[in-house]
Amino acid sequence: MRIATFLIVAFLAFAAHARAGTVQSLTGPTVVATSTGLELAQQQPPPKGEIDININRGGGRAWWASPVWIAIGVIALVVLILLIVLATRT
C-alpha cells in the first residue's frame, strides 16, 4: 500500500514538473511552436453566412398521403378486423 502511494505521488510530481517545463530531454532543448486561437482567427477569413429559410417550397403531400398516417390507418384496420373476428367467435 505504501509503495503504491509512493509511486502515485512520484508520478504526479513528475507530471507537474513536466507540465511546468522544468524537465529537459536528453537530446537537448526542444522548441515547440504554438499559436493561440486569436492568431488563427486573424489568419482565416470570416465565413460567409447565408441562411435560406423558405417554408413554402411547395411539393408537399396532403396529410392523408403521409406514410406515417397510412401506417396508422393500416394498423387501425387490422385491429378493427381482429375485434370483429373475436366478437363473432363467442
C-alpha atoms as a PDB file:
ATOM      1  CA  MET A   1       0.000   0.000   0.000  1.00  0.00           C
ATOM      2  CA  ARG A   2       2.806   2.423   0.853  1.00  0.00           C
ATOM      3  CA  ILE A   3       4.692   1.554  -2.316  1.00  0.00           C
ATOM      4  CA  ALA A   4       1.624   2.234  -4.472  1.00  0.00           C
ATOM      5  CA  THR A   5       1.042   5.571  -2.732  1.00  0.00           C
ATOM      6  CA  PHE A   6       4.710   6.488  -3.202  1.00  0.00           C
ATOM      7  CA  LEU A   7       4.567   5.606  -6.905  1.00  0.00           C
ATOM      8  CA  ILE A   8       1.399   7.666  -7.419  1.00  0.00           C
ATOM      9  CA  VAL A   9       2.885  10.691  -5.648  1.00  0.00           C
ATOM     10  CA  ALA A  10       6.139  10.354  -7.605  1.00  0.00           C
ATOM     11  CA  PHE A  11       4.260  10.130 -10.890  1.00  0.00           C
ATOM     12  CA  LEU A  12       2.138  13.178 -10.081  1.00  0.00           C
ATOM     13  CA  ALA A  13       5.227  15.161  -9.063  1.00  0.00           C
ATOM     14  CA  PHE A  14       6.996  14.197 -12.278  1.00  0.00           C
ATOM     15  CA  ALA A  15       3.931  15.134 -14.333  1.00  0.00           C
ATOM     16  CA  ALA A  16       3.691  18.512 -12.591  1.00  0.00           C
ATOM     17  CA  HIS A  17       7.359  19.265 -13.338  1.00  0.00           C
ATOM     18  CA  ALA A  18       6.986  18.118 -16.928  1.00  0.00           C
ATOM     19  CA  ARG A  19       3.964  20.346 -17.377  1.00  0.00           C
ATOM     20  CA  ALA A  20       5.855  23.296 -15.908  1.00  0.00           C
ATOM     21  CA  GLY A  21       8.640  22.737 -18.422  1.00  0.00           C
ATOM     22  CA  THR A  22      11.435  22.019 -15.938  1.00  0.00           C
ATOM     23  CA  VAL A  23      12.213  18.575 -17.362  1.00  0.00           C
ATOM     24  CA  GLN A  24      14.586  18.715 -20.332  1.00  0.00           C
ATOM     25  CA  SER A  25      15.054  15.974 -22.860  1.00  0.00           C
ATOM     26  CA  LEU A  26      18.335  14.080 -23.181  1.00  0.00           C
ATOM     27  CA  THR A  27      18.940  15.329 -26.735  1.00  0.00           C
ATOM     28  CA  GLY A  28      18.742  18.992 -25.822  1.00  0.00           C
ATOM     29  CA  PRO A  29      16.107  21.671 -25.668  1.00  0.00           C
ATOM     30  CA  THR A  30      13.069  21.281 -27.871  1.00  0.00           C
ATOM     31  CA  VAL A  31      11.329  24.210 -29.496  1.00  0.00           C
ATOM     32  CA  VAL A  32       7.573  23.902 -29.804  1.00  0.00           C
ATOM     33  CA  ALA A  33       5.683  26.406 -31.909  1.00  0.00           C
ATOM     34  CA  THR A  34       2.223  27.157 -30.638  1.00  0.00           C
ATOM     35  CA  SER A  35      -0.373  29.569 -31.803  1.00  0.00           C
ATOM     36  CA  THR A  36      -3.299  30.958 -29.929  1.00  0.00           C
ATOM     37  CA  GLY A  37      -6.876  30.907 -31.086  1.00  0.00           C
ATOM     38  CA  LEU A  38      -6.726  34.660 -31.685  1.00  0.00           C
ATOM     39  CA  GLU A  39      -3.877  34.281 -34.145  1.00  0.00           C
ATOM     40  CA  LEU A  40      -5.698  31.526 -36.002  1.00  0.00           C
ATOM     41  CA  ALA A  41      -8.869  33.615 -36.129  1.00  0.00           C
ATOM     42  CA  GLN A  42      -6.963  36.541 -37.598  1.00  0.00           C
ATOM     43  CA  GLN A  43      -5.411  34.389 -40.317  1.00  0.00           C
ATOM     44  CA  GLN A  44      -8.653  32.905 -41.625  1.00  0.00           C
ATOM     45  CA  PRO A  45     -11.216  34.982 -43.490  1.00  0.00           C
ATOM     46  CA  PRO A  46     -14.632  35.118 -41.860  1.00  0.00           C
ATOM     47  CA  PRO A  47     -17.120  32.610 -43.278  1.00  0.00           C
ATOM     48  CA  LYS A  48     -19.934  33.886 -45.433  1.00  0.00           C
ATOM     49  CA  GLY A  49     -23.179  33.161 -43.637  1.00  0.00           C
ATOM     50  CA  GLU A  50     -26.196  32.683 -45.829  1.00  0.00           C
ATOM     51  CA  ILE A  51     -29.339  31.267 -44.273  1.00  0.00           C
ATOM     52  CA  ASP A  52     -32.225  30.414 -46.556  1.00  0.00           C
ATOM     53  CA  ILE A  53     -35.481  29.939 -44.683  1.00  0.00           C
ATOM     54  CA  ASN A  54     -38.132  29.032 -47.205  1.00  0.00           C
ATOM     55  CA  ILE A  55     -41.023  27.159 -45.631  1.00  0.00           C
ATOM     56  CA  ASN A  56     -43.321  27.484 -48.640  1.00  0.00           C
ATOM     57  CA  ARG A  57     -41.370  25.355 -51.077  1.00  0.00           C
ATOM     58  CA  GLY A  58     -44.376  23.562 -52.430  1.00  0.00           C
ATOM     59  CA  GLY A  59     -44.499  19.959 -53.477  1.00  0.00           C
ATOM     60  CA  GLY A  60     -45.751  18.824 -50.086  1.00  0.00           C
ATOM     61  CA  ARG A  61     -48.213  15.995 -49.652  1.00  0.00           C
ATOM     62  CA  ALA A  62     -51.601  16.046 -48.066  1.00  0.00           C
ATOM     63  CA  TRP A  63     -51.788  14.628 -44.538  1.00  0.00           C
ATOM     64  CA  TRP A  64     -53.583  11.515 -45.737  1.00  0.00           C
ATOM     65  CA  ALA A  65     -50.778  10.671 -48.186  1.00  0.00           C
ATOM     66  CA  SER A  66     -48.108  10.665 -45.474  1.00  0.00           C
ATOM     67  CA  PRO A  67     -46.524   7.244 -44.853  1.00  0.00           C
ATOM     68  CA  VAL A  68     -46.998   7.670 -41.108  1.00  0.00           C
ATOM     69  CA  TRP A  69     -50.733   8.173 -41.415  1.00  0.00           C
ATOM     70  CA  ILE A  70     -51.003   5.312 -43.894  1.00  0.00           C
ATOM     71  CA  ALA A  71     -49.267   3.006 -41.383  1.00  0.00           C
ATOM     72  CA  ILE A  72     -51.565   4.200 -38.577  1.00  0.00           C
ATOM     73  CA  GLY A  73     -54.594   3.532 -40.786  1.00  0.00           C
ATOM     74  CA  VAL A  74     -53.394   0.025 -41.685  1.00  0.00           C
ATOM     75  CA  ILE A  75     -52.789  -0.823 -38.021  1.00  0.00           C
ATOM     76  CA  ALA A  76     -56.223   0.537 -37.067  1.00  0.00           C
ATOM     77  CA  LEU A  77     -57.831  -1.521 -39.850  1.00  0.00           C
ATOM     78  CA  VAL A  78     -56.079  -4.705 -38.651  1.00  0.00           C
ATOM     79  CA  VAL A  79     -57.190  -4.055 -35.064  1.00  0.00           C
ATOM     80  CA  LEU A  80     -60.759  -3.431 -36.219  1.00  0.00           C
ATOM     81  CA  ILE A  81     -60.824  -6.685 -38.218  1.00  0.00           C
ATOM     82  CA  LEU A  82     -59.351  -8.530 -35.223  1.00  0.00           C
ATOM     83  CA  LEU A  83     -62.052  -7.139 -32.946  1.00  0.00           C
ATOM     84  CA  ILE A  84     -64.812  -8.166 -35.384  1.00  0.00           C
ATOM     85  CA  VAL A  85     -63.393 -11.686 -35.683  1.00  0.00           C
ATOM     86  CA  LEU A  86     -63.102 -12.072 -31.896  1.00  0.00           C
ATOM     87  CA  ALA A  87     -66.625 -10.737 -31.368  1.00  0.00           C
ATOM     88  CA  THR A  88     -68.185 -13.203 -33.826  1.00  0.00           C
ATOM     89  CA  ARG A  89     -66.428 -16.248 -32.314  1.00  0.00           C
ATOM     90  CA  THR A  90     -68.204 -16.065 -28.957  1.00  0.00           C
END
